[in-house]
Amino acid sequence: MKHLTLEEYREMVNSIMDIRNNTGEMPDYAKISNIKIPREDYCNMIERVNKFILEMGRCPRSVQIG
């Protein structure tokens, strides 16, 4: 499985939020480092990262795609 670094993950989330703020809708996919991530997968990634932060009290070093 492919992983994103924390910086790539943050860039992906910022891009998703920019689209959401401009269009009012979440994009069908996110594209980062030439990887196309479907909405279901990026939503799961965001949930996992938020859960990790709540449980561990810190950000993860990388985030698994999918």
N, C-alpha and C. Protein backbone atom coordinates (compact mmCIF):
# COMPACT_ATOMS: atom_id res chain seq x y z
N MET A 1 0.83 -1.20 0.00
CA MET A 1 0.00 0.00 0.00
C MET A 1 0.87 1.25 0.00
N LYS A 2 0.38 2.26 -0.61
CA LYS A 2 1.07 3.55 -0.68
C LYS A 2 0.76 4.37 0.56
N HIS A 3 1.73 5.15 0.99
CA HIS A 3 1.57 6.04 2.13
C HIS A 3 1.81 7.47 1.70
N LEU A 4 1.19 8.40 2.40
CA LEU A 4 1.48 9.82 2.25
C LEU A 4 2.24 10.28 3.47
N THR A 5 3.19 11.18 3.26
CA THR A 5 3.84 11.80 4.41
C THR A 5 2.84 12.74 5.06
N LEU A 6 3.14 13.18 6.24
CA LEU A 6 2.25 14.12 6.93
C LEU A 6 2.09 15.40 6.10
N GLU A 7 3.16 15.85 5.48
CA GLU A 7 3.09 17.06 4.66
C GLU A 7 2.19 16.84 3.44
N GLU A 8 2.31 15.69 2.78
CA GLU A 8 1.45 15.38 1.64
C GLU A 8 0.00 15.29 2.08
N TYR A 9 -0.23 14.66 3.22
CA TYR A 9 -1.59 14.53 3.76
C TYR A 9 -2.19 15.90 4.02
N ARG A 10 -1.44 16.78 4.65
CA ARG A 10 -1.94 18.13 4.94
C ARG A 10 -2.23 18.89 3.65
N GLU A 11 -1.38 18.72 2.65
CA GLU A 11 -1.60 19.36 1.36
C GLU A 11 -2.89 18.84 0.73
N MET A 12 -3.13 17.52 0.82
CA MET A 12 -4.34 16.92 0.28
C MET A 12 -5.57 17.50 0.98
N VAL A 13 -5.56 17.55 2.30
CA VAL A 13 -6.70 18.06 3.06
C VAL A 13 -6.95 19.53 2.73
N ASN A 14 -5.90 20.33 2.63
CA ASN A 14 -6.06 21.74 2.28
C ASN A 14 -6.70 21.89 0.90
N SER A 15 -6.28 21.06 -0.05
CA SER A 15 -6.85 21.10 -1.39
C SER A 15 -8.32 20.72 -1.36
N ILE A 16 -8.67 19.68 -0.62
CA ILE A 16 -10.06 19.25 -0.49
C ILE A 16 -10.90 20.37 0.13
N MET A 17 -10.39 21.00 1.16
CA MET A 17 -11.14 22.07 1.83
C MET A 17 -11.29 23.30 0.93
N ASP A 18 -10.27 23.62 0.13
CA ASP A 18 -10.39 24.73 -0.81
C ASP A 18 -11.52 24.48 -1.80
N ILE A 19 -11.58 23.26 -2.35
CA ILE A 19 -12.64 22.90 -3.29
C ILE A 19 -13.99 22.97 -2.59
N ARG A 20 -14.06 22.42 -1.38
CA ARG A 20 -15.32 22.42 -0.60
C ARG A 20 -15.80 23.84 -0.34
N ASN A 21 -14.88 24.73 0.01
CA ASN A 21 -15.24 26.12 0.30
C ASN A 21 -15.69 26.87 -0.95
N ASN A 22 -15.10 26.53 -2.11
CA ASN A 22 -15.44 27.21 -3.36
C ASN A 22 -16.71 26.68 -4.01
N THR A 23 -16.95 25.37 -3.92
CA THR A 23 -18.08 24.78 -4.63
C THR A 23 -19.23 24.38 -3.70
N GLY A 24 -18.94 24.24 -2.42
CA GLY A 24 -19.95 23.79 -1.48
C GLY A 24 -20.09 22.28 -1.43
N GLU A 25 -19.27 21.56 -2.21
CA GLU A 25 -19.33 20.10 -2.25
C GLU A 25 -17.94 19.51 -2.12
N MET A 26 -17.89 18.32 -1.56
CA MET A 26 -16.62 17.60 -1.48
C MET A 26 -16.28 17.07 -2.88
N PRO A 27 -15.01 17.11 -3.27
CA PRO A 27 -14.64 16.59 -4.59
C PRO A 27 -14.79 15.07 -4.66
N ASP A 28 -14.98 14.57 -5.87
CA ASP A 28 -15.12 13.12 -6.07
C ASP A 28 -13.82 12.39 -5.77
N TYR A 29 -12.71 13.09 -5.92
CA TYR A 29 -11.41 12.49 -5.63
C TYR A 29 -10.42 13.58 -5.27
N ALA A 30 -9.34 13.16 -4.61
CA ALA A 30 -8.22 14.07 -4.31
C ALA A 30 -7.03 13.57 -5.10
N LYS A 31 -6.20 14.48 -5.58
CA LYS A 31 -5.01 14.08 -6.32
C LYS A 31 -3.80 14.68 -5.63
N ILE A 32 -2.88 13.81 -5.25
CA ILE A 32 -1.65 14.24 -4.58
C ILE A 32 -0.52 13.32 -5.02
N SER A 33 0.62 13.88 -5.34
CA SER A 33 1.80 13.10 -5.76
C SER A 33 1.44 12.12 -6.87
N ASN A 34 0.68 12.58 -7.85
CA ASN A 34 0.24 11.76 -8.99
C ASN A 34 -0.58 10.55 -8.59
N ILE A 35 -1.23 10.60 -7.44
CA ILE A 35 -2.10 9.52 -6.97
C ILE A 35 -3.51 10.08 -6.89
N LYS A 36 -4.46 9.40 -7.49
CA LYS A 36 -5.86 9.80 -7.46
C LYS A 36 -6.55 9.00 -6.35
N ILE A 37 -7.09 9.69 -5.34
CA ILE A 37 -7.69 9.04 -4.18
C ILE A 37 -9.19 9.32 -4.18
N PRO A 38 -10.01 8.26 -4.31
CA PRO A 38 -11.47 8.44 -4.32
C PRO A 38 -11.98 9.03 -3.00
N ARG A 39 -13.15 9.66 -3.08
CA ARG A 39 -13.74 10.32 -1.91
C ARG A 39 -13.86 9.37 -0.71
N GLU A 40 -14.33 8.17 -0.93
CA GLU A 40 -14.49 7.22 0.19
C GLU A 40 -13.15 6.96 0.89
N ASP A 41 -12.09 6.82 0.09
CA ASP A 41 -10.77 6.55 0.68
C ASP A 41 -10.23 7.77 1.43
N TYR A 42 -10.35 8.98 0.84
CA TYR A 42 -9.80 10.13 1.56
C TYR A 42 -10.62 10.45 2.81
N CYS A 43 -11.93 10.18 2.78
CA CYS A 43 -12.73 10.38 3.99
C CYS A 43 -12.29 9.42 5.09
N ASN A 44 -12.04 8.16 4.72
CA ASN A 44 -11.53 7.18 5.69
C ASN A 44 -10.17 7.59 6.24
N MET A 45 -9.31 8.13 5.38
CA MET A 45 -8.00 8.58 5.83
C MET A 45 -8.15 9.70 6.87
N ILE A 46 -9.01 10.65 6.60
CA ILE A 46 -9.21 11.77 7.52
C ILE A 46 -9.74 11.26 8.86
N GLU A 47 -10.69 10.32 8.82
CA GLU A 47 -11.22 9.75 10.06
C GLU A 47 -10.12 9.04 10.85
N ARG A 48 -9.29 8.26 10.16
CA ARG A 48 -8.21 7.53 10.85
C ARG A 48 -7.20 8.47 11.49
N VAL A 49 -6.85 9.53 10.77
CA VAL A 49 -5.89 10.50 11.31
C VAL A 49 -6.48 11.21 12.52
N ASN A 50 -7.74 11.63 12.44
CA ASN A 50 -8.38 12.29 13.58
C ASN A 50 -8.43 11.36 14.79
N LYS A 51 -8.76 10.10 14.58
CA LYS A 51 -8.80 9.13 15.67
C LYS A 51 -7.41 8.94 16.26
N PHE A 52 -6.38 8.85 15.41
CA PHE A 52 -5.01 8.70 15.88
C PHE A 52 -4.61 9.88 16.76
N ILE A 53 -4.92 11.08 16.31
CA ILE A 53 -4.57 12.28 17.08
C ILE A 53 -5.26 12.27 18.44
N LEU A 54 -6.54 11.90 18.47
CA LEU A 54 -7.27 11.86 19.74
C LEU A 54 -6.71 10.81 20.69
N GLU A 55 -6.34 9.65 20.15
CA GLU A 55 -5.86 8.56 21.00
C GLU A 55 -4.40 8.72 21.41
N MET A 56 -3.57 9.21 20.48
CA MET A 56 -2.12 9.26 20.74
C MET A 56 -1.63 10.65 21.16
N GLY A 57 -2.43 11.67 20.90
CA GLY A 57 -2.05 13.02 21.28
C GLY A 57 -1.00 13.64 20.37
N ARG A 58 -0.83 13.08 19.20
CA ARG A 58 0.13 13.63 18.23
C ARG A 58 -0.32 13.24 16.83
N CYS A 59 0.30 13.87 15.83
CA CYS A 59 0.00 13.53 14.45
C CYS A 59 0.82 12.30 14.03
N PRO A 60 0.28 11.50 13.11
CA PRO A 60 1.06 10.37 12.60
C PRO A 60 2.18 10.87 11.68
N ARG A 61 3.20 10.06 11.51
CA ARG A 61 4.31 10.43 10.62
C ARG A 61 3.94 10.21 9.15
N SER A 62 3.07 9.22 8.90
CA SER A 62 2.59 8.96 7.55
C SER A 62 1.17 8.42 7.64
N VAL A 63 0.47 8.46 6.48
CA VAL A 63 -0.92 8.02 6.43
C VAL A 63 -1.07 7.04 5.27
N GLN A 64 -1.59 5.86 5.59
CA GLN A 64 -1.80 4.84 4.56
C GLN A 64 -2.99 5.20 3.71
N ILE A 65 -2.85 5.05 2.39
CA ILE A 65 -3.95 5.32 1.46
C ILE A 65 -4.82 4.08 1.39
N GLY A 66 -6.11 4.29 1.45
CA GLY A 66 -7.03 3.16 1.30
C GLY A 66 -7.48 2.57 2.61
